[in-house]
Amino acid sequence: MSGMLKEFKDFAMKGNVVDMAVGVIIGGAFGKIVSSLVSDILMPPIGKLMGGVDFSSLYIAMDSRKFASLVEAQAAGAATINYGLFLNTVINFIIVAFSIFMMIKAMNSAKKNEPAPAPAAPPAPPREQVLLQEIRDLLAKK
């Protein structure tokens, strides 16, 4: 049991696992920021430009009943297709994907600007090869 605990600790403390955990936590927080950006900042002006439409309340009731709002339809237990919420989610995805694209593009650009590492000196030849070369040079002089 102790061996498995040590193995788990070694796995959990590897740099990649910790980096991934930090990325997931930051990604979750970033997702909330993007959701707020879409629903609270972007969609209201777009809805106003489209005649005062609130995208989050757009839906289609699956039965013949009519409801004043999505909340009312959900309270009545009606099956609904919430295409307005779907549009918000699609816009969220596009913003997140574009943000990640821009971040990766910036990282790749920064990597291109880094100076290339100096080439390593070739390894010294083995001692036997050096001795044979010295013998060859001595024989060539004679």
N, C-alpha and C. Protein backbone atom coordinates (compact mmCIF):
# COMPACT_ATOMS: atom_id res chain seq x y z
N MET A 1 0.84 -1.19 0.00
CA MET A 1 0.00 0.00 0.00
C MET A 1 0.87 1.25 0.00
N SER A 2 1.94 1.21 0.78
CA SER A 2 2.84 2.35 0.87
C SER A 2 3.51 2.62 -0.48
N GLY A 3 3.81 1.56 -1.23
CA GLY A 3 4.42 1.72 -2.54
C GLY A 3 3.48 2.41 -3.51
N MET A 4 2.19 2.05 -3.44
CA MET A 4 1.22 2.68 -4.33
C MET A 4 1.04 4.15 -3.96
N LEU A 5 1.06 4.46 -2.66
CA LEU A 5 0.92 5.84 -2.22
C LEU A 5 2.11 6.67 -2.70
N LYS A 6 3.32 6.10 -2.61
CA LYS A 6 4.52 6.80 -3.09
C LYS A 6 4.44 7.00 -4.60
N GLU A 7 3.98 5.97 -5.32
CA GLU A 7 3.86 6.07 -6.77
C GLU A 7 2.84 7.16 -7.15
N PHE A 8 1.71 7.22 -6.42
CA PHE A 8 0.71 8.26 -6.68
C PHE A 8 1.28 9.64 -6.38
N LYS A 9 2.02 9.77 -5.28
CA LYS A 9 2.62 11.06 -4.93
C LYS A 9 3.61 11.50 -6.01
N ASP A 10 4.44 10.57 -6.49
CA ASP A 10 5.38 10.89 -7.57
C ASP A 10 4.65 11.35 -8.82
N PHE A 11 3.55 10.65 -9.15
CA PHE A 11 2.75 11.02 -10.33
C PHE A 11 2.13 12.40 -10.16
N ALA A 12 1.50 12.64 -9.01
CA ALA A 12 0.77 13.88 -8.77
C ALA A 12 1.71 15.08 -8.69
N MET A 13 2.94 14.88 -8.31
CA MET A 13 3.85 16.01 -8.13
C MET A 13 4.72 16.27 -9.36
N LYS A 14 4.52 15.50 -10.42
CA LYS A 14 5.25 15.77 -11.66
C LYS A 14 4.84 17.14 -12.18
N GLY A 15 5.76 17.81 -12.82
CA GLY A 15 5.50 19.16 -13.32
C GLY A 15 4.32 19.22 -14.28
N ASN A 16 4.19 18.25 -15.17
CA ASN A 16 3.11 18.29 -16.15
C ASN A 16 1.74 18.19 -15.50
N VAL A 17 1.61 17.36 -14.48
CA VAL A 17 0.31 17.19 -13.81
C VAL A 17 -0.07 18.47 -13.08
N VAL A 18 0.89 19.08 -12.40
CA VAL A 18 0.62 20.32 -11.68
C VAL A 18 0.27 21.44 -12.68
N ASP A 19 1.03 21.52 -13.77
CA ASP A 19 0.74 22.53 -14.80
C ASP A 19 -0.66 22.33 -15.38
N MET A 20 -1.03 21.08 -15.62
CA MET A 20 -2.35 20.80 -16.17
C MET A 20 -3.43 21.19 -15.17
N ALA A 21 -3.23 20.92 -13.89
CA ALA A 21 -4.22 21.28 -12.88
C ALA A 21 -4.40 22.80 -12.82
N VAL A 22 -3.32 23.53 -12.87
CA VAL A 22 -3.40 24.99 -12.87
C VAL A 22 -4.14 25.46 -14.12
N GLY A 23 -3.85 24.86 -15.26
CA GLY A 23 -4.54 25.22 -16.50
C GLY A 23 -6.03 24.97 -16.44
N VAL A 24 -6.43 23.85 -15.85
CA VAL A 24 -7.86 23.53 -15.73
C VAL A 24 -8.55 24.54 -14.83
N ILE A 25 -7.92 24.89 -13.71
CA ILE A 25 -8.53 25.86 -12.78
C ILE A 25 -8.65 27.23 -13.43
N ILE A 26 -7.58 27.68 -14.07
CA ILE A 26 -7.63 28.98 -14.74
C ILE A 26 -8.62 28.94 -15.90
N GLY A 27 -8.67 27.83 -16.62
CA GLY A 27 -9.61 27.68 -17.73
C GLY A 27 -11.05 27.77 -17.25
N GLY A 28 -11.36 27.17 -16.10
CA GLY A 28 -12.71 27.25 -15.55
C GLY A 28 -13.08 28.69 -15.21
N ALA A 29 -12.15 29.39 -14.60
CA ALA A 29 -12.41 30.80 -14.27
C ALA A 29 -12.54 31.63 -15.55
N PHE A 30 -11.71 31.34 -16.54
CA PHE A 30 -11.77 32.06 -17.81
C PHE A 30 -13.11 31.82 -18.50
N GLY A 31 -13.61 30.58 -18.41
CA GLY A 31 -14.91 30.25 -18.99
C GLY A 31 -16.03 31.07 -18.37
N LYS A 32 -15.96 31.28 -17.06
CA LYS A 32 -16.98 32.10 -16.39
C LYS A 32 -16.90 33.55 -16.85
N ILE A 33 -15.69 34.05 -17.03
CA ILE A 33 -15.51 35.43 -17.50
C ILE A 33 -16.08 35.57 -18.91
N VAL A 34 -15.80 34.60 -19.77
CA VAL A 34 -16.31 34.66 -21.14
C VAL A 34 -17.83 34.56 -21.15
N SER A 35 -18.39 33.69 -20.32
CA SER A 35 -19.86 33.58 -20.25
C SER A 35 -20.48 34.90 -19.84
N SER A 36 -19.88 35.55 -18.86
CA SER A 36 -20.39 36.85 -18.43
C SER A 36 -20.22 37.88 -19.54
N LEU A 37 -19.09 37.85 -20.23
CA LEU A 37 -18.86 38.78 -21.33
C LEU A 37 -19.95 38.63 -22.39
N VAL A 38 -20.26 37.39 -22.74
CA VAL A 38 -21.27 37.15 -23.77
C VAL A 38 -22.65 37.55 -23.29
N SER A 39 -23.08 37.02 -22.14
CA SER A 39 -24.46 37.24 -21.71
C SER A 39 -24.70 38.65 -21.16
N ASP A 40 -23.69 39.27 -20.54
CA ASP A 40 -23.91 40.56 -19.90
C ASP A 40 -23.42 41.76 -20.72
N ILE A 41 -22.47 41.56 -21.62
CA ILE A 41 -21.88 42.68 -22.36
C ILE A 41 -22.24 42.62 -23.86
N LEU A 42 -22.02 41.48 -24.50
CA LEU A 42 -22.21 41.40 -25.95
C LEU A 42 -23.67 41.22 -26.38
N MET A 43 -24.38 40.32 -25.75
CA MET A 43 -25.73 39.99 -26.22
C MET A 43 -26.75 41.12 -26.02
N PRO A 44 -26.72 41.87 -24.93
CA PRO A 44 -27.71 42.96 -24.82
C PRO A 44 -27.66 43.97 -25.96
N PRO A 45 -26.48 44.48 -26.37
CA PRO A 45 -26.49 45.40 -27.51
C PRO A 45 -26.93 44.72 -28.82
N ILE A 46 -26.51 43.48 -29.01
CA ILE A 46 -26.93 42.76 -30.22
C ILE A 46 -28.45 42.58 -30.21
N GLY A 47 -29.00 42.22 -29.06
CA GLY A 47 -30.45 42.08 -28.94
C GLY A 47 -31.17 43.39 -29.19
N LYS A 48 -30.60 44.48 -28.69
CA LYS A 48 -31.21 45.81 -28.90
C LYS A 48 -31.18 46.17 -30.37
N LEU A 49 -30.06 45.90 -31.05
CA LEU A 49 -29.97 46.17 -32.48
C LEU A 49 -30.99 45.34 -33.28
N MET A 50 -31.34 44.18 -32.75
CA MET A 50 -32.28 43.30 -33.44
C MET A 50 -33.72 43.52 -32.95
N GLY A 51 -33.98 44.67 -32.38
CA GLY A 51 -35.35 45.00 -31.98
C GLY A 51 -35.69 44.61 -30.56
N GLY A 52 -34.72 44.63 -29.67
CA GLY A 52 -34.99 44.35 -28.26
C GLY A 52 -35.12 42.87 -27.93
N VAL A 53 -34.50 42.00 -28.71
CA VAL A 53 -34.58 40.56 -28.47
C VAL A 53 -33.60 40.16 -27.37
N ASP A 54 -34.10 39.38 -26.39
CA ASP A 54 -33.24 38.80 -25.36
C ASP A 54 -32.96 37.36 -25.79
N PHE A 55 -31.77 37.10 -26.28
CA PHE A 55 -31.44 35.78 -26.83
C PHE A 55 -31.65 34.66 -25.83
N SER A 56 -31.35 34.91 -24.56
CA SER A 56 -31.47 33.84 -23.57
C SER A 56 -32.91 33.39 -23.37
N SER A 57 -33.88 34.19 -23.82
CA SER A 57 -35.28 33.80 -23.64
C SER A 57 -35.91 33.26 -24.92
N LEU A 58 -35.13 33.08 -25.95
CA LEU A 58 -35.67 32.54 -27.20
C LEU A 58 -35.83 31.02 -27.08
N TYR A 59 -36.99 30.52 -27.43
CA TYR A 59 -37.25 29.09 -27.32
C TYR A 59 -38.39 28.71 -28.25
N ILE A 60 -38.55 27.42 -28.43
CA ILE A 60 -39.69 26.86 -29.16
C ILE A 60 -40.33 25.84 -28.24
N ALA A 61 -41.62 26.00 -27.95
CA ALA A 61 -42.35 25.03 -27.14
C ALA A 61 -42.66 23.82 -28.01
N MET A 62 -42.45 22.64 -27.49
CA MET A 62 -42.65 21.41 -28.26
C MET A 62 -44.12 20.98 -28.33
N ASP A 63 -44.97 21.63 -27.58
CA ASP A 63 -46.39 21.31 -27.68
C ASP A 63 -47.13 22.54 -28.22
N SER A 64 -48.41 22.46 -28.32
CA SER A 64 -49.18 23.54 -28.94
C SER A 64 -49.49 24.69 -27.98
N ARG A 65 -49.11 24.56 -26.72
CA ARG A 65 -49.41 25.62 -25.76
C ARG A 65 -48.53 26.84 -26.01
N LYS A 66 -49.04 28.00 -25.64
CA LYS A 66 -48.29 29.25 -25.76
C LYS A 66 -47.95 29.75 -24.37
N PHE A 67 -46.71 30.24 -24.21
CA PHE A 67 -46.24 30.76 -22.93
C PHE A 67 -45.67 32.15 -23.16
N ALA A 68 -45.76 32.97 -22.13
CA ALA A 68 -45.26 34.34 -22.24
C ALA A 68 -43.73 34.39 -22.22
N SER A 69 -43.11 33.42 -21.58
CA SER A 69 -41.65 33.43 -21.47
C SER A 69 -41.12 32.01 -21.31
N LEU A 70 -39.83 31.87 -21.46
CA LEU A 70 -39.18 30.57 -21.25
C LEU A 70 -39.34 30.11 -19.82
N VAL A 71 -39.22 31.04 -18.87
CA VAL A 71 -39.37 30.69 -17.45
C VAL A 71 -40.75 30.12 -17.20
N GLU A 72 -41.77 30.74 -17.78
CA GLU A 72 -43.14 30.27 -17.60
C GLU A 72 -43.31 28.87 -18.22
N ALA A 73 -42.73 28.66 -19.39
CA ALA A 73 -42.82 27.35 -20.06
C ALA A 73 -42.14 26.28 -19.22
N GLN A 74 -40.98 26.61 -18.67
CA GLN A 74 -40.26 25.64 -17.84
C GLN A 74 -41.00 25.36 -16.55
N ALA A 75 -41.62 26.39 -15.97
CA ALA A 75 -42.40 26.21 -14.74
C ALA A 75 -43.60 25.31 -14.99
N ALA A 76 -44.18 25.39 -16.19
CA ALA A 76 -45.33 24.55 -16.54
C ALA A 76 -44.90 23.14 -16.93
N GLY A 77 -43.60 22.90 -17.00
CA GLY A 77 -43.09 21.57 -17.34
C GLY A 77 -43.15 21.26 -18.83
N ALA A 78 -43.26 22.28 -19.65
CA ALA A 78 -43.31 22.07 -21.10
C ALA A 78 -41.92 21.75 -21.63
N ALA A 79 -41.89 20.87 -22.62
CA ALA A 79 -40.62 20.58 -23.30
C ALA A 79 -40.33 21.73 -24.25
N THR A 80 -39.10 22.25 -24.17
CA THR A 80 -38.74 23.41 -24.99
C THR A 80 -37.40 23.18 -25.67
N ILE A 81 -37.24 23.79 -26.81
CA ILE A 81 -35.94 23.87 -27.49
C ILE A 81 -35.44 25.28 -27.24
N ASN A 82 -34.39 25.39 -26.44
CA ASN A 82 -33.87 26.69 -26.00
C ASN A 82 -32.77 27.17 -26.95
N TYR A 83 -33.15 27.56 -28.15
CA TYR A 83 -32.14 27.93 -29.14
C TYR A 83 -31.44 29.24 -28.81
N GLY A 84 -32.04 30.11 -28.02
CA GLY A 84 -31.37 31.34 -27.60
C GLY A 84 -30.19 31.04 -26.69
N LEU A 85 -30.39 30.12 -25.74
CA LEU A 85 -29.28 29.72 -24.87
C LEU A 85 -28.19 29.02 -25.67
N PHE A 86 -28.62 28.26 -26.69
CA PHE A 86 -27.66 27.60 -27.56
C PHE A 86 -26.81 28.63 -28.31
N LEU A 87 -27.45 29.69 -28.81
CA LEU A 87 -26.70 30.75 -29.49
C LEU A 87 -25.68 31.39 -28.55
N ASN A 88 -26.08 31.64 -27.29
CA ASN A 88 -25.14 32.19 -26.32
C ASN A 88 -23.95 31.25 -26.13
N THR A 89 -24.21 29.94 -26.05
CA THR A 89 -23.14 28.97 -25.86
C THR A 89 -22.21 28.93 -27.07
N VAL A 90 -22.77 29.02 -28.27
CA VAL A 90 -21.95 29.03 -29.48
C VAL A 90 -21.05 30.26 -29.49
N ILE A 91 -21.60 31.41 -29.12
CA ILE A 91 -20.79 32.63 -29.07
C ILE A 91 -19.70 32.51 -28.00
N ASN A 92 -20.04 31.92 -26.86
CA ASN A 92 -19.02 31.65 -25.82
C ASN A 92 -17.88 30.84 -26.41
N PHE A 93 -18.23 29.76 -27.12
CA PHE A 93 -17.22 28.88 -27.69
C PHE A 93 -16.33 29.64 -28.67
N ILE A 94 -16.94 30.43 -29.52
CA ILE A 94 -16.16 31.18 -30.53
C ILE A 94 -15.19 32.13 -29.84
N ILE A 95 -15.63 32.80 -28.79
CA ILE A 95 -14.75 33.73 -28.07
C ILE A 95 -13.61 32.98 -27.39
N VAL A 96 -13.92 31.86 -26.73
CA VAL A 96 -12.87 31.07 -26.07
C VAL A 96 -11.89 30.54 -27.10
N ALA A 97 -12.40 29.98 -28.20
CA ALA A 97 -11.52 29.43 -29.24
C ALA A 97 -10.62 30.52 -29.82
N PHE A 98 -11.18 31.70 -30.08
CA PHE A 98 -10.39 32.79 -30.63
C PHE A 98 -9.34 33.25 -29.62
N SER A 99 -9.71 33.33 -28.35
CA SER A 99 -8.76 33.75 -27.31
C SER A 99 -7.60 32.76 -27.21
N ILE A 100 -7.91 31.48 -27.24
CA ILE A 100 -6.85 30.45 -27.17
C ILE A 100 -5.98 30.53 -28.41
N PHE A 101 -6.60 30.73 -29.58
CA PHE A 101 -5.83 30.88 -30.82
C PHE A 101 -4.85 32.04 -30.71
N MET A 102 -5.33 33.20 -30.22
CA MET A 102 -4.47 34.37 -30.10
C MET A 102 -3.34 34.13 -29.09
N MET A 103 -3.66 33.43 -27.99
CA MET A 103 -2.65 33.16 -26.98
C MET A 103 -1.56 32.23 -27.54
N ILE A 104 -1.96 31.19 -28.25
CA ILE A 104 -0.99 30.26 -28.84
C ILE A 104 -0.17 30.96 -29.92
N LYS A 105 -0.84 31.82 -30.70
CA LYS A 105 -0.12 32.57 -31.73
C LYS A 105 0.94 33.48 -31.09
N ALA A 106 0.59 34.13 -29.99
CA ALA A 106 1.55 34.99 -29.29
C ALA A 106 2.71 34.18 -28.72
N MET A 107 2.40 32.99 -28.17
CA MET A 107 3.46 32.14 -27.62
C MET A 107 4.39 31.67 -28.73
N ASN A 108 3.83 31.26 -29.87
CA ASN A 108 4.67 30.82 -30.99
C ASN A 108 5.52 31.97 -31.52
N SER A 109 4.96 33.16 -31.55
CA SER A 109 5.71 34.33 -31.99
C SER A 109 6.87 34.62 -31.04
N ALA A 110 6.62 34.48 -29.74
CA ALA A 110 7.68 34.71 -28.75
C ALA A 110 8.78 33.66 -28.88
N LYS A 111 8.39 32.42 -29.19
CA LYS A 111 9.40 31.37 -29.36
C LYS A 111 10.26 31.63 -30.59
N LYS A 112 9.68 32.17 -31.67
CA LYS A 112 10.45 32.46 -32.87
C LYS A 112 11.47 33.55 -32.63
N ASN A 113 11.16 34.48 -31.72
CA ASN A 113 12.05 35.61 -31.44
C ASN A 113 13.19 35.23 -30.50
N GLU A 114 13.10 34.09 -29.83
CA GLU A 114 14.18 33.66 -28.94
C GLU A 114 15.38 33.25 -29.79
N PRO A 115 16.58 33.62 -29.34
CA PRO A 115 17.76 33.20 -30.11
C PRO A 115 17.91 31.68 -30.06
N ALA A 116 18.34 31.13 -31.17
CA ALA A 116 18.54 29.69 -31.23
C ALA A 116 19.73 29.31 -30.34
N PRO A 117 19.64 28.19 -29.67
CA PRO A 117 20.77 27.79 -28.83
C PRO A 117 22.01 27.52 -29.69
N ALA A 118 23.16 27.88 -29.14
CA ALA A 118 24.42 27.68 -29.86
C ALA A 118 24.62 26.19 -30.09
N PRO A 119 25.11 25.83 -31.27
CA PRO A 119 25.33 24.40 -31.52
C PRO A 119 26.40 23.87 -30.57
N ALA A 120 26.18 22.68 -30.12
CA ALA A 120 27.13 22.05 -29.20
C ALA A 120 28.40 21.66 -29.96
N ALA A 121 29.52 21.79 -29.28
CA ALA A 121 30.79 21.41 -29.90
C ALA A 121 30.77 19.91 -30.15
N PRO A 122 31.35 19.49 -31.27
CA PRO A 122 31.36 18.04 -31.54
C PRO A 122 32.17 17.34 -30.46
N PRO A 123 31.79 16.13 -30.12
CA PRO A 123 32.54 15.42 -29.07
C PRO A 123 33.97 15.12 -29.54
N ALA A 124 34.87 15.11 -28.59
CA ALA A 124 36.28 14.83 -28.90
C ALA A 124 36.39 13.40 -29.42
N PRO A 125 37.29 13.19 -30.40
CA PRO A 125 37.44 11.82 -30.92
C PRO A 125 38.06 10.92 -29.85
N PRO A 126 37.83 9.65 -29.96
CA PRO A 126 38.43 8.72 -28.98
C PRO A 126 39.95 8.78 -29.01
N ARG A 127 40.57 8.45 -27.91
CA ARG A 127 42.03 8.52 -27.76
C ARG A 127 42.74 7.69 -28.83
N GLU A 128 42.20 6.52 -29.16
CA GLU A 128 42.83 5.67 -30.17
C GLU A 128 42.87 6.37 -31.52
N GLN A 129 41.78 7.06 -31.87
CA GLN A 129 41.72 7.75 -33.15
C GLN A 129 42.75 8.88 -33.20
N VAL A 130 42.91 9.60 -32.08
CA VAL A 130 43.90 10.68 -32.01
C VAL A 130 45.30 10.11 -32.22
N LEU A 131 45.59 8.99 -31.55
CA LEU A 131 46.91 8.36 -31.69
C LEU A 131 47.15 7.91 -33.12
N LEU A 132 46.15 7.31 -33.75
CA LEU A 132 46.31 6.87 -35.14
C LEU A 132 46.54 8.06 -36.07
N GLN A 133 45.87 9.17 -35.83
CA GLN A 133 46.07 10.36 -36.66
C GLN A 133 47.49 10.90 -36.48
N GLU A 134 47.98 10.88 -35.24
CA GLU A 134 49.36 11.35 -35.00
C GLU A 134 50.36 10.46 -35.72
N ILE A 135 50.12 9.14 -35.67
CA ILE A 135 51.04 8.21 -36.35
C ILE A 135 50.99 8.46 -37.85
N ARG A 136 49.79 8.65 -38.41
CA ARG A 136 49.64 8.91 -39.84
C ARG A 136 50.40 10.20 -40.22
N ASP A 137 50.28 11.24 -39.40
CA ASP A 137 50.95 12.49 -39.70
C ASP A 137 52.46 12.33 -39.65
N LEU A 138 52.96 11.55 -38.69
CA LEU A 138 54.41 11.32 -38.59
C LEU A 138 54.92 10.54 -39.81
N LEU A 139 54.15 9.54 -40.23
CA LEU A 139 54.56 8.76 -41.41
C LEU A 139 54.51 9.60 -42.67
N ALA A 140 53.57 10.54 -42.75
CA ALA A 140 53.45 11.38 -43.93
C ALA A 140 54.63 12.33 -44.04
N LYS A 141 55.24 12.69 -42.90
CA LYS A 141 56.39 13.59 -42.91
C LYS A 141 57.64 12.91 -43.42
N LYS A 142 57.73 11.61 -43.31
CA LYS A 142 58.95 10.89 -43.70
C LYS A 142 59.07 10.70 -45.16
